[in-house]
Amino acid sequence: MATPPEAARHTILVVKDNGIGISPKRYGHVFRMFRRLHSREEFGGGTGAGLTFVQKLVERHQGQVWVDSLPGTGSSFYFTLPAGEAS
């Protein structure tokens, strides 16, 4: 996914992993509360809430979150935060 135009004047950060990857058709699902893409027994459990919390926190700071991934290649989770003046 390309950088959203709204990301101008924002600092872009990325967190990458080398996990199982995510199909592009499921990108929207990973940010839904309690939505897991696999059963609880697979890939170490979890509640499916973590990325929802990340998204809400970033959006409260006027940023955005998006993912870029393909199955078998790992994932890159990008987020923006407003670029502020140095104090």
PDB file of N, CA and C in Angstrom:
ATOM      1  N   MET A   1       0.836  -1.168   0.000  1.00  0.00           N
ATOM      2  CA  MET A   1       0.000   0.000   0.000  1.00  0.00           C
ATOM      3  C   MET A   1       0.883   1.234   0.000  1.00  0.00           C
ATOM      4  N   ALA A   2       0.533   2.203  -0.771  1.00  0.00           N
ATOM      5  CA  ALA A   2       1.284   3.440  -0.851  1.00  0.00           C
ATOM      6  C   ALA A   2       1.011   4.303   0.376  1.00  0.00           C
ATOM      7  N   THR A   3       1.885   5.256   0.606  1.00  0.00           N
ATOM      8  CA  THR A   3       1.703   6.186   1.708  1.00  0.00           C
ATOM      9  C   THR A   3       0.471   7.049   1.459  1.00  0.00           C
ATOM     10  N   PRO A   4      -0.431   7.153   2.426  1.00  0.00           N
ATOM     11  CA  PRO A   4      -1.623   7.983   2.240  1.00  0.00           C
ATOM     12  C   PRO A   4      -1.237   9.450   2.066  1.00  0.00           C
ATOM     13  N   PRO A   5      -1.943  10.182   1.201  1.00  0.00           N
ATOM     14  CA  PRO A   5      -1.621  11.594   1.002  1.00  0.00           C
ATOM     15  C   PRO A   5      -1.729  12.405   2.295  1.00  0.00           C
ATOM     16  N   GLU A   6      -2.592  11.971   3.218  1.00  0.00           N
ATOM     17  CA  GLU A   6      -2.753  12.673   4.486  1.00  0.00           C
ATOM     18  C   GLU A   6      -1.508  12.579   5.365  1.00  0.00           C
ATOM     19  N   ALA A   7      -0.553  11.742   4.985  1.00  0.00           N
ATOM     20  CA  ALA A   7       0.657  11.554   5.784  1.00  0.00           C
ATOM     21  C   ALA A   7       1.662  12.685   5.580  1.00  0.00           C
ATOM     22  N   ALA A   8       1.402  13.598   4.648  1.00  0.00           N
ATOM     23  CA  ALA A   8       2.301  14.734   4.456  1.00  0.00           C
ATOM     24  C   ALA A   8       2.413  15.493   5.775  1.00  0.00           C
ATOM     25  N   ARG A   9       3.603  15.969   6.077  1.00  0.00           N
ATOM     26  CA  ARG A   9       3.897  16.697   7.318  1.00  0.00           C
ATOM     27  C   ARG A   9       3.758  15.818   8.561  1.00  0.00           C
ATOM     28  N   HIS A  10       3.837  14.530   8.378  1.00  0.00           N
ATOM     29  CA  HIS A  10       3.815  13.590   9.490  1.00  0.00           C
ATOM     30  C   HIS A  10       5.107  12.776   9.455  1.00  0.00           C
ATOM     31  N   THR A  11       5.521  12.330  10.610  1.00  0.00           N
ATOM     32  CA  THR A  11       6.633  11.398  10.693  1.00  0.00           C
ATOM     33  C   THR A  11       6.062  10.002  10.476  1.00  0.00           C
ATOM     34  N   ILE A  12       6.688   9.228   9.599  1.00  0.00           N
ATOM     35  CA  ILE A  12       6.229   7.871   9.311  1.00  0.00           C
ATOM     36  C   ILE A  12       7.181   6.888   9.984  1.00  0.00           C
ATOM     37  N   LEU A  13       6.607   5.990  10.769  1.00  0.00           N
ATOM     38  CA  LEU A  13       7.379   4.950  11.446  1.00  0.00           C
ATOM     39  C   LEU A  13       6.886   3.603  10.955  1.00  0.00           C
ATOM     40  N   VAL A  14       7.747   2.602  11.023  1.00  0.00           N
ATOM     41  CA  VAL A  14       7.364   1.270  10.564  1.00  0.00           C
ATOM     42  C   VAL A  14       7.861   0.222  11.551  1.00  0.00           C
ATOM     43  N   VAL A  15       7.029  -0.776  11.774  1.00  0.00           N
ATOM     44  CA  VAL A  15       7.397  -1.947  12.569  1.00  0.00           C
ATOM     45  C   VAL A  15       7.232  -3.149  11.645  1.00  0.00           C
ATOM     46  N   LYS A  16       8.324  -3.902  11.459  1.00  0.00           N
ATOM     47  CA  LYS A  16       8.300  -5.047  10.542  1.00  0.00           C
ATOM     48  C   LYS A  16       8.473  -6.340  11.319  1.00  0.00           C
ATOM     49  N   ASP A  17       7.889  -7.402  10.771  1.00  0.00           N
ATOM     50  CA  ASP A  17       8.113  -8.722  11.345  1.00  0.00           C
ATOM     51  C   ASP A  17       8.400  -9.707  10.211  1.00  0.00           C
ATOM     52  N   ASN A  18       8.827 -10.884  10.575  1.00  0.00           N
ATOM     53  CA  ASN A  18       9.092 -11.927   9.582  1.00  0.00           C
ATOM     54  C   ASN A  18       8.127 -13.093   9.781  1.00  0.00           C
ATOM     55  N   GLY A  19       6.897 -12.762  10.179  1.00  0.00           N
ATOM     56  CA  GLY A  19       5.879 -13.773  10.463  1.00  0.00           C
ATOM     57  C   GLY A  19       5.255 -14.359   9.210  1.00  0.00           C
ATOM     58  N   ILE A  20       4.035 -14.852   9.355  1.00  0.00           N
ATOM     59  CA  ILE A  20       3.357 -15.583   8.281  1.00  0.00           C
ATOM     60  C   ILE A  20       2.793 -14.686   7.202  1.00  0.00           C
ATOM     61  N   GLY A  21       2.683 -13.396   7.475  1.00  0.00           N
ATOM     62  CA  GLY A  21       2.148 -12.467   6.483  1.00  0.00           C
ATOM     63  C   GLY A  21       0.629 -12.445   6.468  1.00  0.00           C
ATOM     64  N   ILE A  22       0.088 -11.477   5.739  1.00  0.00           N
ATOM     65  CA  ILE A  22      -1.357 -11.260   5.668  1.00  0.00           C
ATOM     66  C   ILE A  22      -1.729 -11.025   4.215  1.00  0.00           C
ATOM     67  N   SER A  23      -2.780 -11.663   3.781  1.00  0.00           N
ATOM     68  CA  SER A  23      -3.294 -11.446   2.435  1.00  0.00           C
ATOM     69  C   SER A  23      -3.874 -10.035   2.334  1.00  0.00           C
ATOM     70  N   PRO A  24      -3.620  -9.316   1.241  1.00  0.00           N
ATOM     71  CA  PRO A  24      -4.167  -7.959   1.096  1.00  0.00           C
ATOM     72  C   PRO A  24      -5.680  -7.877   1.290  1.00  0.00           C
ATOM     73  N   LYS A  25      -6.403  -8.898   0.933  1.00  0.00           N
ATOM     74  CA  LYS A  25      -7.864  -8.845   1.092  1.00  0.00           C
ATOM     75  C   LYS A  25      -8.283  -8.859   2.562  1.00  0.00           C
ATOM     76  N   ARG A  26      -7.343  -9.149   3.472  1.00  0.00           N
ATOM     77  CA  ARG A  26      -7.663  -9.209   4.908  1.00  0.00           C
ATOM     78  C   ARG A  26      -7.078  -8.037   5.686  1.00  0.00           C
ATOM     79  N   TYR A  27      -6.476  -7.072   5.001  1.00  0.00           N
ATOM     80  CA  TYR A  27      -5.866  -5.931   5.699  1.00  0.00           C
ATOM     81  C   TYR A  27      -6.859  -5.243   6.633  1.00  0.00           C
ATOM     82  N   GLY A  28      -8.071  -5.006   6.182  1.00  0.00           N
ATOM     83  CA  GLY A  28      -9.066  -4.321   6.988  1.00  0.00           C
ATOM     84  C   GLY A  28      -9.464  -5.083   8.230  1.00  0.00           C
ATOM     85  N   HIS A  29      -9.334  -6.396   8.205  1.00  0.00           N
ATOM     86  CA  HIS A  29      -9.734  -7.227   9.338  1.00  0.00           C
ATOM     87  C   HIS A  29      -8.778  -7.117  10.524  1.00  0.00           C
ATOM     88  N   VAL A  30      -7.499  -6.862  10.269  1.00  0.00           N
ATOM     89  CA  VAL A  30      -6.524  -6.908  11.361  1.00  0.00           C
ATOM     90  C   VAL A  30      -6.701  -5.784  12.367  1.00  0.00           C
ATOM     91  N   PHE A  31      -7.419  -4.733  12.005  1.00  0.00           N
ATOM     92  CA  PHE A  31      -7.626  -3.613  12.922  1.00  0.00           C
ATOM     93  C   PHE A  31      -8.984  -3.663  13.621  1.00  0.00           C
ATOM     94  N   ARG A  32      -9.753  -4.723  13.434  1.00  0.00           N
ATOM     95  CA  ARG A  32     -11.056  -4.856  14.097  1.00  0.00           C
ATOM     96  C   ARG A  32     -10.881  -5.493  15.474  1.00  0.00           C
ATOM     97  N   MET A  33     -11.607  -4.943  16.454  1.00  0.00           N
ATOM     98  CA  MET A  33     -11.510  -5.426  17.829  1.00  0.00           C
ATOM     99  C   MET A  33     -11.918  -6.899  17.924  1.00  0.00           C
ATOM    100  N   PHE A  34     -11.089  -7.671  18.579  1.00  0.00           N
ATOM    101  CA  PHE A  34     -11.289  -9.102  18.830  1.00  0.00           C
ATOM    102  C   PHE A  34     -11.414  -9.923  17.552  1.00  0.00           C
ATOM    103  N   ARG A  35     -10.922  -9.414  16.451  1.00  0.00           N
ATOM    104  CA  ARG A  35     -10.953 -10.144  15.181  1.00  0.00           C
ATOM    105  C   ARG A  35      -9.608 -10.808  14.990  1.00  0.00           C
ATOM    106  N   ARG A  36      -9.604 -12.117  15.057  1.00  0.00           N
ATOM    107  CA  ARG A  36      -8.379 -12.889  14.821  1.00  0.00           C
ATOM    108  C   ARG A  36      -8.456 -13.518  13.445  1.00  0.00           C
ATOM    109  N   LEU A  37      -7.340 -13.618  12.780  1.00  0.00           N
ATOM    110  CA  LEU A  37      -7.312 -14.233  11.454  1.00  0.00           C
ATOM    111  C   LEU A  37      -7.105 -15.739  11.538  1.00  0.00           C
ATOM    112  N   HIS A  38      -6.771 -16.225  12.736  1.00  0.00           N
ATOM    113  CA  HIS A  38      -6.537 -17.652  12.961  1.00  0.00           C
ATOM    114  C   HIS A  38      -7.150 -18.042  14.299  1.00  0.00           C
ATOM    115  N   SER A  39      -7.233 -19.332  14.560  1.00  0.00           N
ATOM    116  CA  SER A  39      -7.769 -19.790  15.844  1.00  0.00           C
ATOM    117  C   SER A  39      -6.819 -19.402  16.977  1.00  0.00           C
ATOM    118  N   ARG A  40      -7.336 -19.402  18.201  1.00  0.00           N
ATOM    119  CA  ARG A  40      -6.524 -19.043  19.368  1.00  0.00           C
ATOM    120  C   ARG A  40      -5.335 -19.977  19.557  1.00  0.00           C
ATOM    121  N   GLU A  41      -5.471 -21.208  19.126  1.00  0.00           N
ATOM    122  CA  GLU A  41      -4.403 -22.189  19.324  1.00  0.00           C
ATOM    123  C   GLU A  41      -3.228 -21.959  18.375  1.00  0.00           C
ATOM    124  N   GLU A  42      -3.482 -21.290  17.285  1.00  0.00           N
ATOM    125  CA  GLU A  42      -2.421 -21.065  16.302  1.00  0.00           C
ATOM    126  C   GLU A  42      -1.631 -19.796  16.618  1.00  0.00           C
ATOM    127  N   PHE A  43      -0.344 -19.844  16.399  1.00  0.00           N
ATOM    128  CA  PHE A  43       0.537 -18.684  16.442  1.00  0.00           C
ATOM    129  C   PHE A  43       0.560 -17.966  17.782  1.00  0.00           C
ATOM    130  N   GLY A  44       0.485 -18.692  18.876  1.00  0.00           N
ATOM    131  CA  GLY A  44       0.714 -18.118  20.189  1.00  0.00           C
ATOM    132  C   GLY A  44      -0.450 -17.450  20.876  1.00  0.00           C
ATOM    133  N   GLY A  45      -1.651 -17.629  20.417  1.00  0.00           N
ATOM    134  CA  GLY A  45      -2.816 -17.086  21.117  1.00  0.00           C
ATOM    135  C   GLY A  45      -3.021 -15.605  20.870  1.00  0.00           C
ATOM    136  N   GLY A  46      -3.512 -14.925  21.880  1.00  0.00           N
ATOM    137  CA  GLY A  46      -3.820 -13.507  21.760  1.00  0.00           C
ATOM    138  C   GLY A  46      -5.322 -13.296  21.667  1.00  0.00           C
ATOM    139  N   THR A  47      -5.741 -12.062  21.908  1.00  0.00           N
ATOM    140  CA  THR A  47      -7.175 -11.755  21.924  1.00  0.00           C
ATOM    141  C   THR A  47      -7.663 -11.115  20.638  1.00  0.00           C
ATOM    142  N   GLY A  48      -6.754 -10.607  19.824  1.00  0.00           N
ATOM    143  CA  GLY A  48      -7.173  -9.893  18.626  1.00  0.00           C
ATOM    144  C   GLY A  48      -7.495  -8.435  18.905  1.00  0.00           C
ATOM    145  N   ALA A  49      -6.986  -7.902  20.008  1.00  0.00           N
ATOM    146  CA  ALA A  49      -7.270  -6.509  20.370  1.00  0.00           C
ATOM    147  C   ALA A  49      -6.082  -5.576  20.174  1.00  0.00           C
ATOM    148  N   GLY A  50      -4.884  -6.101  20.093  1.00  0.00           N
ATOM    149  CA  GLY A  50      -3.678  -5.265  20.083  1.00  0.00           C
ATOM    150  C   GLY A  50      -3.625  -4.218  18.985  1.00  0.00           C
ATOM    151  N   LEU A  51      -3.861  -4.614  17.743  1.00  0.00           N
ATOM    152  CA  LEU A  51      -3.779  -3.648  16.647  1.00  0.00           C
ATOM    153  C   LEU A  51      -4.913  -2.633  16.682  1.00  0.00           C
ATOM    154  N   THR A  52      -6.055  -3.012  17.258  1.00  0.00           N
ATOM    155  CA  THR A  52      -7.144  -2.051  17.437  1.00  0.00           C
ATOM    156  C   THR A  52      -6.713  -0.963  18.412  1.00  0.00           C
ATOM    157  N   PHE A  53      -6.050  -1.349  19.502  1.00  0.00           N
ATOM    158  CA  PHE A  53      -5.555  -0.364  20.466  1.00  0.00           C
ATOM    159  C   PHE A  53      -4.515   0.552  19.824  1.00  0.00           C
ATOM    160  N   VAL A  54      -3.615  -0.036  19.046  1.00  0.00           N
ATOM    161  CA  VAL A  54      -2.600   0.765  18.353  1.00  0.00           C
ATOM    162  C   VAL A  54      -3.277   1.793  17.444  1.00  0.00           C
ATOM    163  N   GLN A  55      -4.232   1.336  16.654  1.00  0.00           N
ATOM    164  CA  GLN A  55      -4.916   2.232  15.727  1.00  0.00           C
ATOM    165  C   GLN A  55      -5.619   3.371  16.469  1.00  0.00           C
ATOM    166  N   LYS A  56      -6.333   3.059  17.528  1.00  0.00           N
ATOM    167  CA  LYS A  56      -7.047   4.089  18.288  1.00  0.00           C
ATOM    168  C   LYS A  56      -6.081   5.097  18.908  1.00  0.00           C
ATOM    169  N   LEU A  57      -4.977   4.618  19.448  1.00  0.00           N
ATOM    170  CA  LEU A  57      -3.983   5.503  20.053  1.00  0.00           C
ATOM    171  C   LEU A  57      -3.360   6.435  19.009  1.00  0.00           C
ATOM    172  N   VAL A  58      -2.966   5.880  17.886  1.00  0.00           N
ATOM    173  CA  VAL A  58      -2.358   6.686  16.831  1.00  0.00           C
ATOM    174  C   VAL A  58      -3.360   7.709  16.291  1.00  0.00           C
ATOM    175  N   GLU A  59      -4.603   7.298  16.069  1.00  0.00           N
ATOM    176  CA  GLU A  59      -5.616   8.217  15.552  1.00  0.00           C
ATOM    177  C   GLU A  59      -5.913   9.340  16.544  1.00  0.00           C
ATOM    178  N   ARG A  60      -5.846   9.069  17.837  1.00  0.00           N
ATOM    179  CA  ARG A  60      -6.051  10.138  18.842  1.00  0.00           C
ATOM    180  C   ARG A  60      -4.944  11.176  18.788  1.00  0.00           C
ATOM    181  N   HIS A  61      -3.821  10.807  18.207  1.00  0.00           N
ATOM    182  CA  HIS A  61      -2.707  11.744  18.031  1.00  0.00           C
ATOM    183  C   HIS A  61      -2.652  12.258  16.580  1.00  0.00           C
ATOM    184  N   GLN A  62      -3.780  12.221  15.896  1.00  0.00           N
ATOM    185  CA  GLN A  62      -3.934  12.703  14.515  1.00  0.00           C
ATOM    186  C   GLN A  62      -3.034  11.967  13.522  1.00  0.00           C
ATOM    187  N   GLY A  63      -2.821  10.682  13.758  1.00  0.00           N
ATOM    188  CA  GLY A  63      -2.028   9.866  12.851  1.00  0.00           C
ATOM    189  C   GLY A  63      -2.877   8.806  12.176  1.00  0.00           C
ATOM    190  N   GLN A  64      -2.225   7.994  11.377  1.00  0.00           N
ATOM    191  CA  GLN A  64      -2.875   6.900  10.660  1.00  0.00           C
ATOM    192  C   GLN A  64      -2.038   5.638  10.807  1.00  0.00           C
ATOM    193  N   VAL A  65      -2.688   4.485  10.632  1.00  0.00           N
ATOM    194  CA  VAL A  65      -2.021   3.187  10.675  1.00  0.00           C
ATOM    195  C   VAL A  65      -2.443   2.408   9.445  1.00  0.00           C
ATOM    196  N   TRP A  66      -1.495   1.702   8.824  1.00  0.00           N
ATOM    197  CA  TRP A  66      -1.824   0.815   7.720  1.00  0.00           C
ATOM    198  C   TRP A  66      -0.801  -0.310   7.668  1.00  0.00           C
ATOM    199  N   VAL A  67      -1.138  -1.344   6.941  1.00  0.00           N
ATOM    200  CA  VAL A  67      -0.294  -2.533   6.863  1.00  0.00           C
ATOM    201  C   VAL A  67       0.040  -2.817   5.409  1.00  0.00           C
ATOM    202  N   ASP A  68       1.216  -3.388   5.207  1.00  0.00           N
ATOM    203  CA  ASP A  68       1.642  -3.870   3.894  1.00  0.00           C
ATOM    204  C   ASP A  68       2.236  -5.256   4.135  1.00  0.00           C
ATOM    205  N   SER A  69       1.693  -6.253   3.468  1.00  0.00           N
ATOM    206  CA  SER A  69       2.121  -7.617   3.735  1.00  0.00           C
ATOM    207  C   SER A  69       1.683  -8.533   2.605  1.00  0.00           C
ATOM    208  N   LEU A  70       2.309  -9.672   2.541  1.00  0.00           N
ATOM    209  CA  LEU A  70       1.901 -10.764   1.664  1.00  0.00           C
ATOM    210  C   LEU A  70       2.112 -12.061   2.431  1.00  0.00           C
ATOM    211  N   PRO A  71       1.244 -13.048   2.224  1.00  0.00           N
ATOM    212  CA  PRO A  71       1.446 -14.329   2.908  1.00  0.00           C
ATOM    213  C   PRO A  71       2.848 -14.880   2.662  1.00  0.00           C
ATOM    214  N   GLY A  72       3.474 -15.339   3.734  1.00  0.00           N
ATOM    215  CA  GLY A  72       4.801 -15.940   3.647  1.00  0.00           C
ATOM    216  C   GLY A  72       5.951 -14.953   3.654  1.00  0.00           C
ATOM    217  N   THR A  73       5.680 -13.641   3.726  1.00  0.00           N
ATOM    218  CA  THR A  73       6.761 -12.652   3.646  1.00  0.00           C
ATOM    219  C   THR A  73       6.907 -11.786   4.890  1.00  0.00           C
ATOM    220  N   GLY A  74       6.053 -11.949   5.872  1.00  0.00           N
ATOM    221  CA  GLY A  74       6.069 -11.058   7.019  1.00  0.00           C
ATOM    222  C   GLY A  74       5.196  -9.848   6.738  1.00  0.00           C
ATOM    223  N   SER A  75       5.168  -8.923   7.679  1.00  0.00           N
ATOM    224  CA  SER A  75       4.305  -7.746   7.562  1.00  0.00           C
ATOM    225  C   SER A  75       5.057  -6.494   7.954  1.00  0.00           C
ATOM    226  N   SER A  76       4.641  -5.382   7.388  1.00  0.00           N
ATOM    227  CA  SER A  76       5.136  -4.069   7.772  1.00  0.00           C
ATOM    228  C   SER A  76       3.931  -3.254   8.208  1.00  0.00           C
ATOM    229  N   PHE A  77       3.950  -2.786   9.445  1.00  0.00           N
ATOM    230  CA  PHE A  77       2.884  -1.948   9.980  1.00  0.00           C
ATOM    231  C   PHE A  77       3.420  -0.530  10.065  1.00  0.00           C
ATOM    232  N   TYR A  78       2.798   0.359   9.329  1.00  0.00           N
ATOM    233  CA  TYR A  78       3.210   1.753   9.274  1.00  0.00           C
ATOM    234  C   TYR A  78       2.276   2.591  10.125  1.00  0.00           C
ATOM    235  N   PHE A  79       2.816   3.635  10.734  1.00  0.00           N
ATOM    236  CA  PHE A  79       1.955   4.616  11.383  1.00  0.00           C
ATOM    237  C   PHE A  79       2.597   5.978  11.298  1.00  0.00           C
ATOM    238  N   THR A  80       1.742   6.991  11.333  1.00  0.00           N
ATOM    239  CA  THR A  80       2.213   8.359  11.257  1.00  0.00           C
ATOM    240  C   THR A  80       1.860   9.085  12.546  1.00  0.00           C
ATOM    241  N   LEU A  81       2.679  10.064  12.862  1.00  0.00           N
ATOM    242  CA  LEU A  81       2.408  10.993  13.940  1.00  0.00           C
ATOM    243  C   LEU A  81       2.764  12.377  13.420  1.00  0.00           C
ATOM    244  N   PRO A  82       2.006  13.396  13.808  1.00  0.00           N
ATOM    245  CA  PRO A  82       2.299  14.731  13.311  1.00  0.00           C
ATOM    246  C   PRO A  82       3.737  15.128  13.623  1.00  0.00           C
ATOM    247  N   ALA A  83       4.403  15.708  12.649  1.00  0.00           N
ATOM    248  CA  ALA A  83       5.768  16.206  12.850  1.00  0.00           C
ATOM    249  C   ALA A  83       5.660  17.543  13.573  1.00  0.00           C
ATOM    250  N   GLY A  84       6.122  17.594  14.804  1.00  0.00           N
ATOM    251  CA  GLY A  84       6.019  18.816  15.601  1.00  0.00           C
ATOM    252  C   GLY A  84       7.310  19.611  15.555  1.00  0.00           C
ATOM    253  N   GLU A  85       7.216  20.778  16.084  1.00  0.00           N
ATOM    254  CA  GLU A  85       8.389  21.641  16.197  1.00  0.00           C
ATOM    255  C   GLU A  85       9.250  21.145  17.347  1.00  0.00           C
ATOM    256  N   ALA A  86      10.544  21.213  17.176  1.00  0.00           N
ATOM    257  CA  ALA A  86      11.453  20.831  18.262  1.00  0.00           C
ATOM    258  C   ALA A  86      11.342  21.839  19.386  1.00  0.00           C
ATOM    259  N   SER A  87      11.358  21.354  20.626  1.00  0.00           N
ATOM    260  CA  SER A  87      11.246  22.299  21.752  1.00  0.00           C
ATOM    261  C   SER A  87      12.587  22.537  22.391  1.00  0.00           C
TER     262      SER A  87
END
